[in-house]
Protein backbone atom coordinates (compact mmCIF):
# COMPACT_ATOMS: atom_id res chain seq x y z
CA UNK A 1 0.00 0.00 0.00
CA UNK A 2 2.83 2.40 0.89
CA UNK A 3 4.56 1.75 -2.46
CA UNK A 4 1.32 2.56 -4.31
CA UNK A 5 1.01 5.85 -2.39
CA UNK A 6 4.64 6.77 -3.15
CA UNK A 7 4.17 5.85 -6.82
CA UNK A 8 1.01 7.98 -7.03
CA UNK A 9 2.90 10.94 -5.49
CA UNK A 10 5.74 10.53 -8.01
CA UNK A 11 3.28 10.47 -10.93
CA UNK A 12 1.56 13.61 -9.61
CA UNK A 13 4.95 15.36 -9.29
CA UNK A 14 5.80 14.40 -12.87
CA UNK A 15 2.47 15.77 -14.10
CA UNK A 16 3.17 19.08 -12.33
CA UNK A 17 6.58 19.35 -14.08
CA UNK A 18 5.11 18.91 -17.57
CA UNK A 19 4.74 22.32 -19.24
CA UNK A 20 1.34 23.41 -20.54
CA UNK A 21 1.50 22.97 -24.34
CA UNK A 22 -1.20 25.59 -24.81
CA UNK A 23 0.85 28.54 -23.47
CA UNK A 24 1.41 31.40 -25.86
CA UNK A 25 4.46 33.59 -26.34
CA UNK A 26 4.92 36.32 -23.73
CA UNK A 27 5.54 39.98 -24.46
CA UNK A 28 7.81 40.84 -21.53
CA UNK A 29 11.55 41.24 -21.96
CA UNK A 30 13.60 38.95 -19.70
CA UNK A 31 15.20 40.66 -16.74
CA UNK A 32 18.83 41.45 -17.47
CA UNK A 33 21.13 41.32 -14.50
CA UNK A 34 23.17 44.44 -13.94
CA UNK A 35 26.96 44.21 -14.00
CA UNK A 36 28.60 44.21 -10.60
CA UNK A 37 30.42 41.98 -8.19
CA UNK A 38 29.56 38.28 -8.02
CA UNK A 39 30.93 35.52 -5.85
CA UNK A 40 31.97 32.28 -7.53
CA UNK A 41 30.34 29.46 -5.56
CA UNK A 42 31.57 26.52 -7.66
CA UNK A 43 33.38 25.76 -10.90
CA UNK A 44 32.94 23.00 -13.48
CA UNK A 45 34.67 22.12 -16.71
CA UNK A 46 32.09 21.08 -19.29
CA UNK A 47 32.52 19.33 -22.61
CA UNK A 48 31.18 21.48 -25.44
CA UNK A 49 29.71 19.51 -28.31
CA UNK A 50 28.81 20.36 -31.87
CA UNK A 51 27.13 17.83 -34.14
CA UNK A 52 27.56 15.19 -31.40
CA UNK A 53 31.35 15.69 -31.31
CA UNK A 54 33.26 17.22 -28.42
CA UNK A 55 34.87 20.41 -29.74
CA UNK A 56 36.48 21.55 -26.50
CA UNK A 57 36.19 22.09 -22.79
CA UNK A 58 34.87 25.25 -21.19
CA UNK A 59 35.03 26.54 -17.61
CA UNK A 60 31.60 27.36 -16.19
CA UNK A 61 31.39 29.29 -12.91
CA UNK A 62 28.22 29.13 -10.82
CA UNK A 63 27.98 32.58 -9.23
CA UNK A 64 25.90 34.36 -6.62
CA UNK A 65 24.63 37.66 -8.02
CA UNK A 66 23.21 40.17 -5.49
CA UNK A 67 20.03 40.68 -7.57
CA UNK A 68 19.07 37.02 -7.99
CA UNK A 69 18.30 34.17 -5.58
CA UNK A 70 19.40 31.39 -7.95
CA UNK A 71 23.00 30.93 -9.03
CA UNK A 72 24.02 32.41 -12.38
CA UNK A 73 26.31 30.53 -14.78
CA UNK A 74 29.12 32.60 -16.31
CA UNK A 75 31.46 31.06 -18.86
CA UNK A 76 33.04 34.02 -20.64
CA UNK A 77 35.17 37.04 -19.86
CA UNK A 78 36.57 40.22 -21.37
CA UNK A 79 40.31 40.82 -21.56
CA UNK A 80 42.72 43.10 -23.35
CA UNK A 81 44.39 41.98 -26.56
CA UNK A 82 46.78 44.67 -27.73
CA UNK A 83 44.77 47.88 -27.41
CA UNK A 84 41.37 46.21 -27.77
CA UNK A 85 39.02 44.69 -25.22
CA UNK A 86 37.72 41.34 -26.44
CA UNK A 87 35.07 39.01 -25.06
CA UNK A 88 35.47 35.23 -25.36
CA UNK A 89 34.56 31.97 -23.69
CA UNK A 90 36.59 30.52 -20.85
CA UNK A 91 37.99 27.70 -23.00
CA UNK A 92 40.16 25.22 -21.11
CA UNK A 93 43.11 25.08 -23.50
CA UNK A 94 46.48 23.71 -22.43
CA UNK A 95 49.99 24.15 -23.81
CA UNK A 96 52.63 21.51 -24.59
CA UNK A 97 53.47 21.27 -20.86
CA UNK A 98 49.79 20.50 -20.10
CA UNK A 99 49.31 23.85 -18.35
CA UNK A 100 46.64 26.47 -19.07
CA UNK A 101 47.59 28.39 -22.21
CA UNK A 102 49.51 31.52 -21.17
CA UNK A 103 47.67 34.14 -23.25
CA UNK A 104 44.19 32.62 -22.99
CA UNK A 105 41.24 34.47 -21.54
CA UNK A 106 41.11 31.83 -18.78
CA UNK A 107 44.73 32.67 -17.88
CA UNK A 108 43.76 36.38 -17.75
CA UNK A 109 40.91 35.60 -15.34
CA UNK A 110 43.19 33.48 -13.14
CA UNK A 111 45.78 36.27 -13.01
CA UNK A 112 43.12 38.91 -12.29
CA UNK A 113 41.73 36.87 -9.37
CA UNK A 114 45.19 35.82 -8.13
CA UNK A 115 44.27 32.16 -8.62
CA UNK A 116 46.88 29.55 -9.47
CA UNK A 117 44.37 27.14 -10.99
CA UNK A 118 40.69 26.82 -11.86
CA UNK A 119 39.71 25.27 -8.52
CA UNK A 120 40.98 28.37 -6.69
CA UNK A 121 38.32 30.49 -8.41
CA UNK A 122 35.77 29.11 -5.94
CA UNK A 123 34.98 31.74 -3.31
CA UNK A 124 36.46 34.65 -5.29
CA UNK A 125 34.61 37.94 -5.74
CA UNK A 126 34.81 38.98 -9.40
CA UNK A 127 33.56 42.05 -11.24
CA UNK A 128 31.23 41.46 -14.19
CA UNK A 129 30.37 43.41 -17.33
CA UNK A 130 27.94 42.87 -20.17
CA UNK A 131 29.27 41.25 -23.31
CA UNK A 132 28.23 42.30 -26.82
CA UNK A 133 25.05 40.17 -26.52
CA UNK A 134 24.03 41.70 -23.20
CA UNK A 135 24.97 38.69 -21.07
CA UNK A 136 27.17 38.93 -17.99
CA UNK A 137 30.83 38.03 -18.35
CA UNK A 138 33.81 38.44 -16.04
CA UNK A 139 36.05 41.49 -16.27
CA UNK A 140 39.53 39.95 -16.59
CA UNK A 141 41.58 43.09 -17.18
C-alpha atoms as a PDB file:
ATOM      1  CA  UNK A   1       0.000   0.000   0.000  1.00  0.00           C
ATOM      2  CA  UNK A   2       2.828   2.395   0.892  1.00  0.00           C
ATOM      3  CA  UNK A   3       4.556   1.748  -2.464  1.00  0.00           C
ATOM      4  CA  UNK A   4       1.318   2.560  -4.308  1.00  0.00           C
ATOM      5  CA  UNK A   5       1.010   5.845  -2.386  1.00  0.00           C
ATOM      6  CA  UNK A   6       4.638   6.771  -3.146  1.00  0.00           C
ATOM      7  CA  UNK A   7       4.168   5.846  -6.821  1.00  0.00           C
ATOM      8  CA  UNK A   8       1.015   7.983  -7.027  1.00  0.00           C
ATOM      9  CA  UNK A   9       2.898  10.939  -5.490  1.00  0.00           C
ATOM     10  CA  UNK A  10       5.736  10.525  -8.015  1.00  0.00           C
ATOM     11  CA  UNK A  11       3.280  10.470 -10.926  1.00  0.00           C
ATOM     12  CA  UNK A  12       1.564  13.611  -9.608  1.00  0.00           C
ATOM     13  CA  UNK A  13       4.951  15.364  -9.289  1.00  0.00           C
ATOM     14  CA  UNK A  14       5.804  14.404 -12.869  1.00  0.00           C
ATOM     15  CA  UNK A  15       2.471  15.771 -14.098  1.00  0.00           C
ATOM     16  CA  UNK A  16       3.172  19.079 -12.327  1.00  0.00           C
ATOM     17  CA  UNK A  17       6.582  19.349 -14.083  1.00  0.00           C
ATOM     18  CA  UNK A  18       5.105  18.911 -17.569  1.00  0.00           C
ATOM     19  CA  UNK A  19       4.737  22.318 -19.236  1.00  0.00           C
ATOM     20  CA  UNK A  20       1.342  23.407 -20.539  1.00  0.00           C
ATOM     21  CA  UNK A  21       1.505  22.973 -24.335  1.00  0.00           C
ATOM     22  CA  UNK A  22      -1.195  25.590 -24.813  1.00  0.00           C
ATOM     23  CA  UNK A  23       0.847  28.537 -23.465  1.00  0.00           C
ATOM     24  CA  UNK A  24       1.412  31.404 -25.856  1.00  0.00           C
ATOM     25  CA  UNK A  25       4.456  33.592 -26.342  1.00  0.00           C
ATOM     26  CA  UNK A  26       4.924  36.316 -23.732  1.00  0.00           C
ATOM     27  CA  UNK A  27       5.540  39.985 -24.457  1.00  0.00           C
ATOM     28  CA  UNK A  28       7.813  40.844 -21.525  1.00  0.00           C
ATOM     29  CA  UNK A  29      11.551  41.239 -21.959  1.00  0.00           C
ATOM     30  CA  UNK A  30      13.600  38.947 -19.698  1.00  0.00           C
ATOM     31  CA  UNK A  31      15.202  40.659 -16.738  1.00  0.00           C
ATOM     32  CA  UNK A  32      18.834  41.446 -17.474  1.00  0.00           C
ATOM     33  CA  UNK A  33      21.131  41.316 -14.497  1.00  0.00           C
ATOM     34  CA  UNK A  34      23.174  44.440 -13.938  1.00  0.00           C
ATOM     35  CA  UNK A  35      26.956  44.206 -14.005  1.00  0.00           C
ATOM     36  CA  UNK A  36      28.597  44.210 -10.599  1.00  0.00           C
ATOM     37  CA  UNK A  37      30.424  41.976  -8.189  1.00  0.00           C
ATOM     38  CA  UNK A  38      29.559  38.276  -8.015  1.00  0.00           C
ATOM     39  CA  UNK A  39      30.933  35.517  -5.850  1.00  0.00           C
ATOM     40  CA  UNK A  40      31.972  32.279  -7.531  1.00  0.00           C
ATOM     41  CA  UNK A  41      30.338  29.460  -5.562  1.00  0.00           C
ATOM     42  CA  UNK A  42      31.570  26.521  -7.661  1.00  0.00           C
ATOM     43  CA  UNK A  43      33.384  25.756 -10.896  1.00  0.00           C
ATOM     44  CA  UNK A  44      32.944  23.004 -13.479  1.00  0.00           C
ATOM     45  CA  UNK A  45      34.673  22.116 -16.707  1.00  0.00           C
ATOM     46  CA  UNK A  46      32.094  21.082 -19.286  1.00  0.00           C
ATOM     47  CA  UNK A  47      32.515  19.334 -22.610  1.00  0.00           C
ATOM     48  CA  UNK A  48      31.180  21.478 -25.441  1.00  0.00           C
ATOM     49  CA  UNK A  49      29.714  19.506 -28.314  1.00  0.00           C
ATOM     50  CA  UNK A  50      28.805  20.357 -31.872  1.00  0.00           C
ATOM     51  CA  UNK A  51      27.130  17.827 -34.144  1.00  0.00           C
ATOM     52  CA  UNK A  52      27.562  15.187 -31.398  1.00  0.00           C
ATOM     53  CA  UNK A  53      31.351  15.687 -31.313  1.00  0.00           C
ATOM     54  CA  UNK A  54      33.264  17.222 -28.418  1.00  0.00           C
ATOM     55  CA  UNK A  55      34.872  20.407 -29.744  1.00  0.00           C
ATOM     56  CA  UNK A  56      36.484  21.551 -26.502  1.00  0.00           C
ATOM     57  CA  UNK A  57      36.192  22.094 -22.786  1.00  0.00           C
ATOM     58  CA  UNK A  58      34.869  25.251 -21.190  1.00  0.00           C
ATOM     59  CA  UNK A  59      35.028  26.536 -17.614  1.00  0.00           C
ATOM     60  CA  UNK A  60      31.599  27.364 -16.186  1.00  0.00           C
ATOM     61  CA  UNK A  61      31.391  29.287 -12.910  1.00  0.00           C
ATOM     62  CA  UNK A  62      28.221  29.134 -10.819  1.00  0.00           C
ATOM     63  CA  UNK A  63      27.983  32.583  -9.229  1.00  0.00           C
ATOM     64  CA  UNK A  64      25.904  34.357  -6.621  1.00  0.00           C
ATOM     65  CA  UNK A  65      24.634  37.661  -8.017  1.00  0.00           C
ATOM     66  CA  UNK A  66      23.213  40.168  -5.493  1.00  0.00           C
ATOM     67  CA  UNK A  67      20.032  40.678  -7.565  1.00  0.00           C
ATOM     68  CA  UNK A  68      19.068  37.017  -7.993  1.00  0.00           C
ATOM     69  CA  UNK A  69      18.300  34.173  -5.580  1.00  0.00           C
ATOM     70  CA  UNK A  70      19.403  31.393  -7.946  1.00  0.00           C
ATOM     71  CA  UNK A  71      23.003  30.927  -9.034  1.00  0.00           C
ATOM     72  CA  UNK A  72      24.019  32.408 -12.385  1.00  0.00           C
ATOM     73  CA  UNK A  73      26.314  30.529 -14.780  1.00  0.00           C
ATOM     74  CA  UNK A  74      29.117  32.599 -16.305  1.00  0.00           C
ATOM     75  CA  UNK A  75      31.464  31.060 -18.858  1.00  0.00           C
ATOM     76  CA  UNK A  76      33.039  34.023 -20.639  1.00  0.00           C
ATOM     77  CA  UNK A  77      35.173  37.040 -19.861  1.00  0.00           C
ATOM     78  CA  UNK A  78      36.568  40.216 -21.373  1.00  0.00           C
ATOM     79  CA  UNK A  79      40.309  40.824 -21.556  1.00  0.00           C
ATOM     80  CA  UNK A  80      42.723  43.100 -23.353  1.00  0.00           C
ATOM     81  CA  UNK A  81      44.394  41.976 -26.560  1.00  0.00           C
ATOM     82  CA  UNK A  82      46.785  44.670 -27.728  1.00  0.00           C
ATOM     83  CA  UNK A  83      44.772  47.878 -27.413  1.00  0.00           C
ATOM     84  CA  UNK A  84      41.369  46.213 -27.773  1.00  0.00           C
ATOM     85  CA  UNK A  85      39.017  44.693 -25.220  1.00  0.00           C
ATOM     86  CA  UNK A  86      37.720  41.336 -26.436  1.00  0.00           C
ATOM     87  CA  UNK A  87      35.066  39.011 -25.060  1.00  0.00           C
ATOM     88  CA  UNK A  88      35.467  35.231 -25.355  1.00  0.00           C
ATOM     89  CA  UNK A  89      34.563  31.973 -23.688  1.00  0.00           C
ATOM     90  CA  UNK A  90      36.590  30.517 -20.852  1.00  0.00           C
ATOM     91  CA  UNK A  91      37.985  27.696 -22.995  1.00  0.00           C
ATOM     92  CA  UNK A  92      40.160  25.221 -21.114  1.00  0.00           C
ATOM     93  CA  UNK A  93      43.115  25.083 -23.499  1.00  0.00           C
ATOM     94  CA  UNK A  94      46.480  23.707 -22.431  1.00  0.00           C
ATOM     95  CA  UNK A  95      49.995  24.150 -23.807  1.00  0.00           C
ATOM     96  CA  UNK A  96      52.628  21.508 -24.587  1.00  0.00           C
ATOM     97  CA  UNK A  97      53.466  21.271 -20.856  1.00  0.00           C
ATOM     98  CA  UNK A  98      49.795  20.499 -20.095  1.00  0.00           C
ATOM     99  CA  UNK A  99      49.315  23.855 -18.352  1.00  0.00           C
ATOM    100  CA  UNK A 100      46.644  26.466 -19.069  1.00  0.00           C
ATOM    101  CA  UNK A 101      47.593  28.390 -22.207  1.00  0.00           C
ATOM    102  CA  UNK A 102      49.512  31.523 -21.175  1.00  0.00           C
ATOM    103  CA  UNK A 103      47.668  34.141 -23.251  1.00  0.00           C
ATOM    104  CA  UNK A 104      44.195  32.622 -22.994  1.00  0.00           C
ATOM    105  CA  UNK A 105      41.240  34.472 -21.543  1.00  0.00           C
ATOM    106  CA  UNK A 106      41.114  31.832 -18.784  1.00  0.00           C
ATOM    107  CA  UNK A 107      44.727  32.669 -17.875  1.00  0.00           C
ATOM    108  CA  UNK A 108      43.765  36.376 -17.752  1.00  0.00           C
ATOM    109  CA  UNK A 109      40.910  35.600 -15.342  1.00  0.00           C
ATOM    110  CA  UNK A 110      43.186  33.480 -13.140  1.00  0.00           C
ATOM    111  CA  UNK A 111      45.780  36.275 -13.012  1.00  0.00           C
ATOM    112  CA  UNK A 112      43.118  38.913 -12.286  1.00  0.00           C
ATOM    113  CA  UNK A 113      41.728  36.873  -9.374  1.00  0.00           C
ATOM    114  CA  UNK A 114      45.192  35.821  -8.130  1.00  0.00           C
ATOM    115  CA  UNK A 115      44.267  32.163  -8.624  1.00  0.00           C
ATOM    116  CA  UNK A 116      46.883  29.551  -9.474  1.00  0.00           C
ATOM    117  CA  UNK A 117      44.370  27.140 -10.993  1.00  0.00           C
ATOM    118  CA  UNK A 118      40.688  26.824 -11.858  1.00  0.00           C
ATOM    119  CA  UNK A 119      39.707  25.271  -8.522  1.00  0.00           C
ATOM    120  CA  UNK A 120      40.976  28.374  -6.692  1.00  0.00           C
ATOM    121  CA  UNK A 121      38.319  30.491  -8.410  1.00  0.00           C
ATOM    122  CA  UNK A 122      35.767  29.108  -5.936  1.00  0.00           C
ATOM    123  CA  UNK A 123      34.984  31.739  -3.306  1.00  0.00           C
ATOM    124  CA  UNK A 124      36.462  34.646  -5.291  1.00  0.00           C
ATOM    125  CA  UNK A 125      34.607  37.938  -5.743  1.00  0.00           C
ATOM    126  CA  UNK A 126      34.811  38.984  -9.396  1.00  0.00           C
ATOM    127  CA  UNK A 127      33.558  42.053 -11.243  1.00  0.00           C
ATOM    128  CA  UNK A 128      31.232  41.458 -14.193  1.00  0.00           C
ATOM    129  CA  UNK A 129      30.373  43.414 -17.331  1.00  0.00           C
ATOM    130  CA  UNK A 130      27.938  42.871 -20.171  1.00  0.00           C
ATOM    131  CA  UNK A 131      29.274  41.248 -23.314  1.00  0.00           C
ATOM    132  CA  UNK A 132      28.225  42.303 -26.823  1.00  0.00           C
ATOM    133  CA  UNK A 133      25.051  40.171 -26.522  1.00  0.00           C
ATOM    134  CA  UNK A 134      24.032  41.703 -23.197  1.00  0.00           C
ATOM    135  CA  UNK A 135      24.967  38.692 -21.070  1.00  0.00           C
ATOM    136  CA  UNK A 136      27.168  38.925 -17.987  1.00  0.00           C
ATOM    137  CA  UNK A 137      30.828  38.030 -18.351  1.00  0.00           C
ATOM    138  CA  UNK A 138      33.807  38.437 -16.044  1.00  0.00           C
ATOM    139  CA  UNK A 139      36.047  41.489 -16.266  1.00  0.00           C
ATOM    140  CA  UNK A 140      39.526  39.953 -16.590  1.00  0.00           C
ATOM    141  CA  UNK A 141      41.585  43.088 -17.181  1.00  0.00           C
END
